Amino acid sequence: MKEYSIEDWFEKYERDITSFLTYYTGFTDVEDLVQDTFLIAINKISKFKGDSNPKTWLIAIARNIVIDRYRRKRVWRRIKHYFASGHGQVPGSEEIIIQNLEQQQLYDAIERLSSQQKEVVILRGILELSSKETGEILKCSSNKVNVTYHRALKKLKELLEEEGFVCEGNRANQRKSKESS
């Protein structure tokens, strides 16, 4: 089997990967993504068969990294409507900070779910798999998936409310209690 050198590839293709990521993401600060691309390449170089150009393989890795990061950021947006109440606002810098804190609260709350609930939330709510697909992966019925998902979302709502997060339907109650005090 032919030996491949990541160091050589870095020298040859780093600029191409950087350019690709800059155009693909729309950001000029892509050094972390470039670094992650080559770190993954180091770990997976044994899987590179040489059927394609190394630059193509590296760009595919870089693309997958961006897609994975985008999916992780969408976690909050996908599940948020279950909890959030204000829509259609353009976020300012303060709003972005609040969203980051809310996203961290959601990650922390998901971590506190049972392992089965956590898996179902990730598969159904984040990866958007169907109940049937989720059931096949977890080796259970789609009905059990739906029940577990419903209970997990209810538990997430409770956990987030414990942390002071205002969930949909809860805001009006909080306003009334503030007005009466």
C-alpha atoms as a PDB file:
ATOM      1  CA  MET A   1       0.000   0.000   0.000  1.00  0.00           C
ATOM      2  CA  LYS A   2       1.264   3.433  -0.890  1.00  0.00           C
ATOM      3  CA  GLU A   3       2.412   5.700   1.935  1.00  0.00           C
ATOM      4  CA  TYR A   4       0.770   9.113   2.178  1.00  0.00           C
ATOM      5  CA  SER A   5       2.144  12.102   4.024  1.00  0.00           C
ATOM      6  CA  ILE A   6      -0.249  14.545   5.671  1.00  0.00           C
ATOM      7  CA  GLU A   7       2.625  17.002   5.963  1.00  0.00           C
ATOM      8  CA  ASP A   8       3.092  16.966   2.169  1.00  0.00           C
ATOM      9  CA  TRP A   9      -0.653  17.293   1.668  1.00  0.00           C
ATOM     10  CA  PHE A  10      -0.765  20.207   4.077  1.00  0.00           C
ATOM     11  CA  GLU A  11       1.947  22.027   2.128  1.00  0.00           C
ATOM     12  CA  LYS A  12       0.260  21.278  -1.214  1.00  0.00           C
ATOM     13  CA  TYR A  13      -3.425  21.708  -0.337  1.00  0.00           C
ATOM     14  CA  GLU A  14      -3.758  23.922   2.732  1.00  0.00           C
ATOM     15  CA  ARG A  15      -4.429  27.020   0.616  1.00  0.00           C
ATOM     16  CA  ASP A  16      -7.031  25.161  -1.446  1.00  0.00           C
ATOM     17  CA  ILE A  17      -8.775  23.902   1.691  1.00  0.00           C
ATOM     18  CA  THR A  18      -8.666  27.391   3.218  1.00  0.00           C
ATOM     19  CA  SER A  19     -10.110  28.923   0.048  1.00  0.00           C
ATOM     20  CA  PHE A  20     -12.821  26.285  -0.165  1.00  0.00           C
ATOM     21  CA  LEU A  21     -13.833  26.811   3.453  1.00  0.00           C
ATOM     22  CA  THR A  22     -13.773  30.595   3.103  1.00  0.00           C
ATOM     23  CA  TYR A  23     -16.133  30.493   0.144  1.00  0.00           C
ATOM     24  CA  TYR A  24     -18.229  27.634   1.494  1.00  0.00           C
ATOM     25  CA  THR A  25     -18.828  29.223   4.902  1.00  0.00           C
ATOM     26  CA  GLY A  26     -18.665  32.880   3.901  1.00  0.00           C
ATOM     27  CA  PHE A  27     -16.198  33.514   6.736  1.00  0.00           C
ATOM     28  CA  THR A  28     -12.534  34.416   6.501  1.00  0.00           C
ATOM     29  CA  ASP A  29     -11.695  33.013   9.938  1.00  0.00           C
ATOM     30  CA  VAL A  30     -11.498  29.324   9.001  1.00  0.00           C
ATOM     31  CA  GLU A  31      -8.192  28.313  10.567  1.00  0.00           C
ATOM     32  CA  ASP A  32      -9.914  26.037  13.100  1.00  0.00           C
ATOM     33  CA  LEU A  33     -11.825  24.300  10.318  1.00  0.00           C
ATOM     34  CA  VAL A  34      -8.634  23.815   8.300  1.00  0.00           C
ATOM     35  CA  GLN A  35      -6.894  22.405  11.362  1.00  0.00           C
ATOM     36  CA  ASP A  36      -9.826  20.064  12.068  1.00  0.00           C
ATOM     37  CA  THR A  37      -9.765  18.907   8.449  1.00  0.00           C
ATOM     38  CA  PHE A  38      -6.141  17.842   8.669  1.00  0.00           C
ATOM     39  CA  LEU A  39      -6.597  16.300  12.131  1.00  0.00           C
ATOM     40  CA  ILE A  40      -9.398  14.118  10.792  1.00  0.00           C
ATOM     41  CA  ALA A  41      -7.280  13.281   7.764  1.00  0.00           C
ATOM     42  CA  ILE A  42      -4.459  12.146  10.065  1.00  0.00           C
ATOM     43  CA  ASN A  43      -6.860   9.870  11.925  1.00  0.00           C
ATOM     44  CA  LYS A  44      -8.442   8.472   8.758  1.00  0.00           C
ATOM     45  CA  ILE A  45      -5.488   8.322   6.396  1.00  0.00           C
ATOM     46  CA  SER A  46      -5.523   4.519   6.582  1.00  0.00           C
ATOM     47  CA  LYS A  47      -8.973   4.624   4.934  1.00  0.00           C
ATOM     48  CA  PHE A  48      -7.710   6.684   2.003  1.00  0.00           C
ATOM     49  CA  LYS A  49      -7.374   4.188  -0.851  1.00  0.00           C
ATOM     50  CA  GLY A  50      -5.925   6.534  -3.429  1.00  0.00           C
ATOM     51  CA  ASP A  51      -8.966   6.203  -5.721  1.00  0.00           C
ATOM     52  CA  SER A  52      -9.347   9.976  -5.699  1.00  0.00           C
ATOM     53  CA  ASN A  53      -7.064  12.960  -5.557  1.00  0.00           C
ATOM     54  CA  PRO A  54      -5.967  13.761  -1.979  1.00  0.00           C
ATOM     55  CA  LYS A  55      -7.209  17.329  -2.459  1.00  0.00           C
ATOM     56  CA  THR A  56     -10.696  16.016  -3.303  1.00  0.00           C
ATOM     57  CA  TRP A  57     -10.647  13.777  -0.241  1.00  0.00           C
ATOM     58  CA  LEU A  58      -9.551  16.655   2.001  1.00  0.00           C
ATOM     59  CA  ILE A  59     -12.232  18.972   0.597  1.00  0.00           C
ATOM     60  CA  ALA A  60     -14.852  16.289   1.279  1.00  0.00           C
ATOM     61  CA  ILE A  61     -13.637  16.108   4.881  1.00  0.00           C
ATOM     62  CA  ALA A  62     -13.756  19.908   5.195  1.00  0.00           C
ATOM     63  CA  ARG A  63     -17.265  19.984   3.747  1.00  0.00           C
ATOM     64  CA  ASN A  64     -18.444  17.320   6.187  1.00  0.00           C
ATOM     65  CA  ILE A  65     -16.980  19.261   9.113  1.00  0.00           C
ATOM     66  CA  VAL A  66     -18.919  22.384   8.106  1.00  0.00           C
ATOM     67  CA  ILE A  67     -22.118  20.393   7.630  1.00  0.00           C
ATOM     68  CA  ASP A  68     -21.688  18.700  11.020  1.00  0.00           C
ATOM     69  CA  ARG A  69     -21.104  22.022  12.759  1.00  0.00           C
ATOM     70  CA  TYR A  70     -24.121  23.538  11.041  1.00  0.00           C
ATOM     71  CA  ARG A  71     -26.253  20.599  12.159  1.00  0.00           C
ATOM     72  CA  ARG A  72     -25.084  21.013  15.737  1.00  0.00           C
ATOM     73  CA  LYS A  73     -25.986  24.697  15.675  1.00  0.00           C
ATOM     74  CA  ARG A  74     -29.410  23.830  14.329  1.00  0.00           C
ATOM     75  CA  VAL A  75     -30.108  21.763  17.445  1.00  0.00           C
ATOM     76  CA  TRP A  76     -31.438  24.805  19.194  1.00  0.00           C
ATOM     77  CA  ARG A  77     -33.490  26.035  16.260  1.00  0.00           C
ATOM     78  CA  ARG A  78     -35.103  22.650  15.669  1.00  0.00           C
ATOM     79  CA  ILE A  79     -36.265  22.080  19.196  1.00  0.00           C
ATOM     80  CA  LYS A  80     -36.650  25.718  20.226  1.00  0.00           C
ATOM     81  CA  HIS A  81     -40.184  26.202  18.868  1.00  0.00           C
ATOM     82  CA  TYR A  82     -41.338  23.623  21.370  1.00  0.00           C
ATOM     83  CA  PHE A  83     -40.075  25.895  24.138  1.00  0.00           C
ATOM     84  CA  ALA A  84     -39.700  29.431  22.756  1.00  0.00           C
ATOM     85  CA  SER A  85     -42.341  32.059  22.286  1.00  0.00           C
ATOM     86  CA  GLY A  86     -40.927  35.055  20.328  1.00  0.00           C
ATOM     87  CA  HIS A  87     -40.400  34.488  16.575  1.00  0.00           C
ATOM     88  CA  GLY A  88     -39.348  36.677  13.677  1.00  0.00           C
ATOM     89  CA  GLN A  89     -36.934  38.939  15.518  1.00  0.00           C
ATOM     90  CA  VAL A  90     -33.573  39.816  14.026  1.00  0.00           C
ATOM     91  CA  PRO A  91     -30.975  39.111  16.703  1.00  0.00           C
ATOM     92  CA  GLY A  92     -28.625  41.853  17.874  1.00  0.00           C
ATOM     93  CA  SER A  93     -25.379  41.147  19.697  1.00  0.00           C
ATOM     94  CA  GLU A  94     -27.200  40.900  23.037  1.00  0.00           C
ATOM     95  CA  GLU A  95     -29.722  38.518  21.491  1.00  0.00           C
ATOM     96  CA  ILE A  96     -26.894  36.374  20.069  1.00  0.00           C
ATOM     97  CA  ILE A  97     -25.321  36.106  23.526  1.00  0.00           C
ATOM     98  CA  ILE A  98     -28.683  35.111  24.983  1.00  0.00           C
ATOM     99  CA  GLN A  99     -29.174  32.529  22.219  1.00  0.00           C
ATOM    100  CA  ASN A 100     -25.749  31.037  22.956  1.00  0.00           C
ATOM    101  CA  LEU A 101     -26.622  30.784  26.641  1.00  0.00           C
ATOM    102  CA  GLU A 102     -29.985  29.235  25.774  1.00  0.00           C
ATOM    103  CA  GLN A 103     -28.293  26.741  23.471  1.00  0.00           C
ATOM    104  CA  GLN A 104     -25.904  25.765  26.257  1.00  0.00           C
ATOM    105  CA  GLN A 105     -28.885  25.350  28.596  1.00  0.00           C
ATOM    106  CA  LEU A 106     -30.455  23.022  26.041  1.00  0.00           C
ATOM    107  CA  TYR A 107     -27.265  20.945  25.700  1.00  0.00           C
ATOM    108  CA  ASP A 108     -27.031  20.683  29.483  1.00  0.00           C
ATOM    109  CA  ALA A 109     -30.700  19.683  29.763  1.00  0.00           C
ATOM    110  CA  ILE A 110     -30.305  17.022  27.057  1.00  0.00           C
ATOM    111  CA  GLU A 111     -27.334  15.618  28.988  1.00  0.00           C
ATOM    112  CA  ARG A 112     -29.597  15.234  32.041  1.00  0.00           C
ATOM    113  CA  LEU A 113     -32.111  13.040  30.191  1.00  0.00           C
ATOM    114  CA  SER A 114     -32.016   9.268  30.503  1.00  0.00           C
ATOM    115  CA  SER A 115     -29.830   7.640  27.860  1.00  0.00           C
ATOM    116  CA  GLN A 116     -32.898   6.348  25.995  1.00  0.00           C
ATOM    117  CA  GLN A 117     -34.587   9.775  25.995  1.00  0.00           C
ATOM    118  CA  LYS A 118     -31.337  11.439  24.945  1.00  0.00           C
ATOM    119  CA  GLU A 119     -30.940   9.043  21.996  1.00  0.00           C
ATOM    120  CA  VAL A 120     -34.517   9.596  20.858  1.00  0.00           C
ATOM    121  CA  VAL A 121     -34.202  13.402  21.108  1.00  0.00           C
ATOM    122  CA  ILE A 122     -30.986  13.321  19.092  1.00  0.00           C
ATOM    123  CA  LEU A 123     -32.327  10.941  16.440  1.00  0.00           C
ATOM    124  CA  ARG A 124     -35.827  12.418  16.119  1.00  0.00           C
ATOM    125  CA  GLY A 125     -35.387  16.067  17.076  1.00  0.00           C
ATOM    126  CA  ILE A 126     -31.901  16.802  15.879  1.00  0.00           C
ATOM    127  CA  LEU A 127     -31.195  14.373  13.049  1.00  0.00           C
ATOM    128  CA  GLU A 128     -34.878  14.445  12.008  1.00  0.00           C
ATOM    129  CA  LEU A 129     -35.182  10.697  11.522  1.00  0.00           C
ATOM    130  CA  SER A 130     -38.654   9.219  11.312  1.00  0.00           C
ATOM    131  CA  SER A 131     -40.134   7.228  14.187  1.00  0.00           C
ATOM    132  CA  LYS A 132     -39.689   4.087  12.132  1.00  0.00           C
ATOM    133  CA  GLU A 133     -36.002   4.807  11.377  1.00  0.00           C
ATOM    134  CA  THR A 134     -35.359   5.691  15.009  1.00  0.00           C
ATOM    135  CA  GLY A 135     -37.085   2.485  16.110  1.00  0.00           C
ATOM    136  CA  GLU A 136     -34.911   0.424  13.767  1.00  0.00           C
ATOM    137  CA  ILE A 137     -31.759   1.977  15.176  1.00  0.00           C
ATOM    138  CA  LEU A 138     -32.853   1.577  18.803  1.00  0.00           C
ATOM    139  CA  LYS A 139     -34.477  -1.823  18.159  1.00  0.00           C
ATOM    140  CA  CYS A 140     -37.912  -0.829  19.437  1.00  0.00           C
ATOM    141  CA  SER A 141     -41.338   0.001  17.994  1.00  0.00           C
ATOM    142  CA  SER A 142     -42.098   3.364  16.419  1.00  0.00           C
ATOM    143  CA  ASN A 143     -44.877   3.744  19.013  1.00  0.00           C
ATOM    144  CA  LYS A 144     -42.311   3.441  21.814  1.00  0.00           C
ATOM    145  CA  VAL A 145     -40.155   6.010  20.012  1.00  0.00           C
ATOM    146  CA  ASN A 146     -43.080   8.456  19.848  1.00  0.00           C
ATOM    147  CA  VAL A 147     -43.951   7.983  23.529  1.00  0.00           C
ATOM    148  CA  THR A 148     -40.313   8.334  24.588  1.00  0.00           C
ATOM    149  CA  TYR A 149     -39.890  11.431  22.402  1.00  0.00           C
ATOM    150  CA  HIS A 150     -42.999  13.055  23.864  1.00  0.00           C
ATOM    151  CA  ARG A 151     -41.858  12.302  27.431  1.00  0.00           C
ATOM    152  CA  ALA A 152     -38.320  13.499  26.660  1.00  0.00           C
ATOM    153  CA  LEU A 153     -39.583  16.832  25.318  1.00  0.00           C
ATOM    154  CA  LYS A 154     -41.790  17.228  28.384  1.00  0.00           C
ATOM    155  CA  LYS A 155     -38.798  16.464  30.638  1.00  0.00           C
ATOM    156  CA  LEU A 156     -36.605  18.900  28.668  1.00  0.00           C
ATOM    157  CA  LYS A 157     -39.210  21.594  29.158  1.00  0.00           C
ATOM    158  CA  GLU A 158     -39.274  20.924  32.919  1.00  0.00           C
ATOM    159  CA  LEU A 159     -35.471  20.962  33.143  1.00  0.00           C
ATOM    160  CA  LEU A 160     -35.231  24.202  31.204  1.00  0.00           C
ATOM    161  CA  GLU A 161     -37.942  25.840  33.298  1.00  0.00           C
ATOM    162  CA  GLU A 162     -36.024  24.832  36.454  1.00  0.00           C
ATOM    163  CA  GLU A 163     -33.092  26.792  35.039  1.00  0.00           C
ATOM    164  CA  GLY A 164     -35.310  29.850  34.512  1.00  0.00           C
ATOM    165  CA  PHE A 165     -35.847  29.413  30.781  1.00  0.00           C
ATOM    166  CA  VAL A 166     -39.213  30.838  29.690  1.00  0.00           C
ATOM    167  CA  CYS A 167     -41.039  28.147  27.725  1.00  0.00           C
ATOM    168  CA  GLU A 168     -44.021  28.695  25.437  1.00  0.00           C
ATOM    169  CA  GLY A 169     -47.212  29.163  27.391  1.00  0.00           C
ATOM    170  CA  ASN A 170     -45.210  29.892  30.526  1.00  0.00           C
ATOM    171  CA  ARG A 171     -44.488  33.548  29.672  1.00  0.00           C
ATOM    172  CA  ALA A 172     -48.100  34.669  30.183  1.00  0.00           C
ATOM    173  CA  ASN A 173     -48.152  32.971  33.596  1.00  0.00           C
ATOM    174  CA  GLN A 174     -44.912  34.690  34.574  1.00  0.00           C
ATOM    175  CA  ARG A 175     -46.283  38.093  33.479  1.00  0.00           C
ATOM    176  CA  LYS A 176     -49.441  37.580  35.543  1.00  0.00           C
ATOM    177  CA  SER A 177     -47.455  36.587  38.616  1.00  0.00           C
ATOM    178  CA  LYS A 178     -45.157  39.617  38.212  1.00  0.00           C
ATOM    179  CA  GLU A 179     -48.132  41.960  37.767  1.00  0.00           C
ATOM    180  CA  SER A 180     -49.841  40.630  40.882  1.00  0.00           C
ATOM    181  CA  SER A 181     -46.717  41.022  43.047  1.00  0.00           C
END
